[in-house]
């Protein structure tokens, strides 16, 4: 009994080996057929390309006109690439420079506001720490008042700088410029 089981197993393994051998052979032959077809197609294209040549300005079968004098042809005009502009003729470079200037002004104003706020805080701290009445009232009082006035002016400048950027945005939009120019 053991013999029969082993025999059946051997038959199935040998059958599997034969099937794999047949599939491999068919696959290799199919690859060679495809390669042969590709070679033939390349050769055909090479022959077709060499058969057609067009020289000069006329093609075969096209009517030709002859003239007794030939004027030298002028080189074609150089065409500059067209850059987009807004309705008023201003380009991206103009808008980017204007927005950068406005942003720099806003940054400078905001930094001035922060600096003056720190100055006022320092003066208030000095006012609270000093014990002599003369320095507290007569020296630090006017300094704090002056710093507060400067801070109010700096805040107004910062707000004007913000309004200038908003105005530039509106002007860019109304003039038909591209939105990316504001960056």
Protein backbone atom coordinates (compact mmCIF):
# COMPACT_ATOMS: atom_id res chain seq x y z
CA UNK A 1 0.00 0.00 0.00
CA UNK A 2 2.76 2.37 0.75
CA UNK A 3 4.12 1.81 -2.70
CA UNK A 4 0.95 2.91 -4.43
CA UNK A 5 0.71 6.12 -2.44
CA UNK A 6 4.30 7.01 -3.27
CA UNK A 7 3.76 6.11 -6.89
CA UNK A 8 0.77 8.45 -7.18
CA UNK A 9 2.78 11.20 -5.54
CA UNK A 10 5.65 10.69 -8.01
CA UNK A 11 3.29 10.88 -10.93
CA UNK A 12 1.82 14.16 -9.77
CA UNK A 13 5.29 15.69 -9.25
CA UNK A 14 6.52 14.56 -12.64
CA UNK A 15 3.33 15.86 -14.24
CA UNK A 16 3.89 19.20 -12.55
CA UNK A 17 7.49 19.36 -13.83
CA UNK A 18 6.34 18.63 -17.39
CA UNK A 19 3.65 21.28 -17.21
CA UNK A 20 6.15 23.89 -15.99
CA UNK A 21 8.56 22.93 -18.78
CA UNK A 22 5.83 23.35 -21.40
CA UNK A 23 4.74 26.74 -20.00
CA UNK A 24 8.34 27.98 -19.90
CA UNK A 25 8.92 26.89 -23.51
CA UNK A 26 5.76 28.60 -24.71
CA UNK A 27 6.68 31.76 -22.83
CA UNK A 28 10.17 31.86 -24.38
CA UNK A 29 8.79 31.28 -27.86
CA UNK A 30 6.22 34.05 -27.38
CA UNK A 31 8.97 36.44 -26.34
CA UNK A 32 10.98 35.65 -29.45
CA UNK A 33 7.90 36.24 -31.63
CA UNK A 34 7.39 39.67 -30.04
CA UNK A 35 11.07 40.52 -30.44
CA UNK A 36 10.99 39.50 -34.12
CA UNK A 37 7.92 41.66 -34.72
CA UNK A 38 9.62 44.64 -33.04
CA UNK A 39 12.73 44.24 -35.21
CA UNK A 40 10.63 44.09 -38.37
CA UNK A 41 8.68 47.21 -37.35
CA UNK A 42 11.92 49.14 -36.66
CA UNK A 43 13.28 48.15 -40.05
CA UNK A 44 10.04 49.18 -41.77
CA UNK A 45 10.07 52.59 -40.06
CA UNK A 46 13.69 53.15 -41.01
CA UNK A 47 12.85 52.50 -44.66
CA UNK A 48 9.77 54.73 -44.59
CA UNK A 49 11.68 57.66 -43.09
CA UNK A 50 14.41 57.56 -45.69
CA UNK A 51 11.94 57.49 -48.60
CA UNK A 52 10.38 60.92 -47.99
CA UNK A 53 12.48 64.10 -48.22
CA UNK A 54 11.21 67.64 -48.51
CA UNK A 55 13.65 70.29 -49.64
CA UNK A 56 13.16 74.04 -49.87
CA UNK A 57 9.81 75.74 -49.51
CA UNK A 58 7.93 73.60 -52.05
CA UNK A 59 6.63 70.11 -51.71
CA UNK A 60 6.01 67.60 -54.46
CA UNK A 61 2.84 68.42 -56.34
CA UNK A 62 2.63 72.01 -55.07
CA UNK A 63 2.56 74.80 -57.64
CA UNK A 64 5.76 76.79 -57.82
CA UNK A 65 6.13 80.42 -58.73
CA UNK A 66 9.30 81.86 -60.07
CA UNK A 67 10.47 85.41 -59.78
CA UNK A 68 13.35 87.06 -61.53
CA UNK A 69 14.61 88.93 -58.50
CA UNK A 70 14.90 87.49 -55.06
CA UNK A 71 14.95 89.89 -52.17
CA UNK A 72 17.05 88.93 -49.20
CA UNK A 73 14.80 87.81 -46.41
CA UNK A 74 14.89 89.90 -43.28
CA UNK A 75 15.36 88.01 -40.06
CA UNK A 76 12.10 87.45 -38.21
CA UNK A 77 11.37 90.12 -35.62
CA UNK A 78 12.30 89.27 -32.08
CA UNK A 79 9.16 88.77 -30.06
CA UNK A 80 9.40 89.65 -26.39
CA UNK A 81 7.34 87.51 -24.07
CA UNK A 82 4.26 89.36 -22.93
CA UNK A 83 4.22 90.07 -19.21
CA UNK A 84 0.85 90.56 -17.57
CA UNK A 85 0.00 94.07 -16.47
CA UNK A 86 -2.97 95.66 -14.77
CA UNK A 87 -5.40 98.13 -16.37
CA UNK A 88 -3.03 101.04 -15.71
CA UNK A 89 0.00 99.35 -17.25
CA UNK A 90 1.74 98.45 -13.99
CA UNK A 91 3.41 95.04 -13.83
CA UNK A 92 4.13 92.53 -11.10
CA UNK A 93 7.46 94.14 -10.24
CA UNK A 94 5.75 97.46 -9.41
CA UNK A 95 3.13 95.83 -7.19
CA UNK A 96 5.58 93.61 -5.34
CA UNK A 97 7.82 96.61 -4.60
CA UNK A 98 4.86 98.70 -3.39
CA UNK A 99 3.60 95.94 -1.10
CA UNK A 100 7.09 95.24 0.24
CA UNK A 101 7.59 98.92 1.05
CA UNK A 102 4.23 99.03 2.86
CA UNK A 103 5.01 95.84 4.80
CA UNK A 104 8.43 97.20 5.84
CA UNK A 105 6.79 100.39 7.05
CA UNK A 106 4.23 98.40 9.07
CA UNK A 107 6.96 96.25 10.60
CA UNK A 108 8.97 99.32 11.55
CA UNK A 109 5.87 100.92 13.15
CA UNK A 110 4.99 97.79 15.11
CA UNK A 111 8.55 97.51 16.42
CA UNK A 112 8.45 101.16 17.48
CA UNK A 113 5.17 100.54 19.35
CA UNK A 114 6.70 97.56 21.17
CA UNK A 115 9.80 99.56 22.07
CA UNK A 116 7.77 102.45 23.47
CA UNK A 117 5.53 100.08 25.46
CA UNK A 118 8.65 98.61 27.07
CA UNK A 119 9.96 102.10 27.80
CA UNK A 120 6.69 103.06 29.53
CA UNK A 121 6.71 99.87 31.58
CA UNK A 122 10.30 100.58 32.66
CA UNK A 123 9.46 104.16 33.63
CA UNK A 124 6.42 103.01 35.62
CA UNK A 125 8.57 100.45 37.42
CA UNK A 126 11.12 103.15 38.27
CA UNK A 127 8.31 105.39 39.53
CA UNK A 128 7.09 102.70 41.89
CA UNK A 129 10.58 101.80 43.16
CA UNK A 130 11.91 105.28 43.89
CA UNK A 131 11.12 106.69 47.25
CA UNK A 132 12.11 110.34 46.87
CA UNK A 133 9.28 112.60 45.85
CA UNK A 134 11.36 114.91 43.66
CA UNK A 135 12.42 112.17 41.19
CA UNK A 136 9.01 110.53 41.20
CA UNK A 137 6.92 113.56 40.40
CA UNK A 138 9.16 116.04 38.64
CA UNK A 139 11.56 113.87 36.64
CA UNK A 140 9.70 110.62 35.88
CA UNK A 141 6.25 112.16 35.44
CA UNK A 142 7.15 114.22 32.34
CA UNK A 143 9.16 111.31 30.91
CA UNK A 144 6.16 108.99 31.23
CA UNK A 145 3.87 111.61 29.68
CA UNK A 146 6.28 112.12 26.75
CA UNK A 147 6.66 108.37 26.22
CA UNK A 148 2.87 107.93 26.30
CA UNK A 149 2.47 110.65 23.66
CA UNK A 150 5.12 108.98 21.47
CA UNK A 151 3.36 105.63 21.92
CA UNK A 152 0.04 107.11 20.78
CA UNK A 153 1.74 108.58 17.70
CA UNK A 154 3.44 105.25 16.93
CA UNK A 155 0.13 103.40 17.20
CA UNK A 156 -1.43 105.88 14.76
CA UNK A 157 1.47 105.30 12.33
CA UNK A 158 1.03 101.52 12.62
CA UNK A 159 -2.70 101.84 11.92
CA UNK A 160 -1.98 104.05 8.89
CA UNK A 161 0.51 101.45 7.62
CA UNK A 162 -2.16 98.73 7.96
CA UNK A 163 -4.65 100.93 6.09
CA UNK A 164 -2.06 101.54 3.38
CA UNK A 165 -1.69 97.78 2.82
CA UNK A 166 -5.48 97.41 2.72
CA UNK A 167 -5.67 100.29 0.23
CA UNK A 168 -3.01 98.69 -1.94
CA UNK A 169 -4.98 95.42 -1.91
CA UNK A 170 -8.11 97.25 -3.03
CA UNK A 171 -6.24 99.21 -5.69
CA UNK A 172 -4.64 96.02 -7.04
CA UNK A 173 -8.02 94.30 -7.20
CA UNK A 174 -9.72 97.26 -8.90
CA UNK A 175 -6.92 97.70 -11.45
CA UNK A 176 -7.20 94.07 -12.57
CA UNK A 177 -3.83 92.87 -11.29
CA UNK A 178 -3.23 89.27 -10.31
CA UNK A 179 -3.78 88.51 -6.60
CA UNK A 180 -0.37 86.83 -6.28
CA UNK A 181 1.35 90.16 -6.88
CA UNK A 182 0.41 91.23 -3.35
CA UNK A 183 2.58 88.55 -1.75
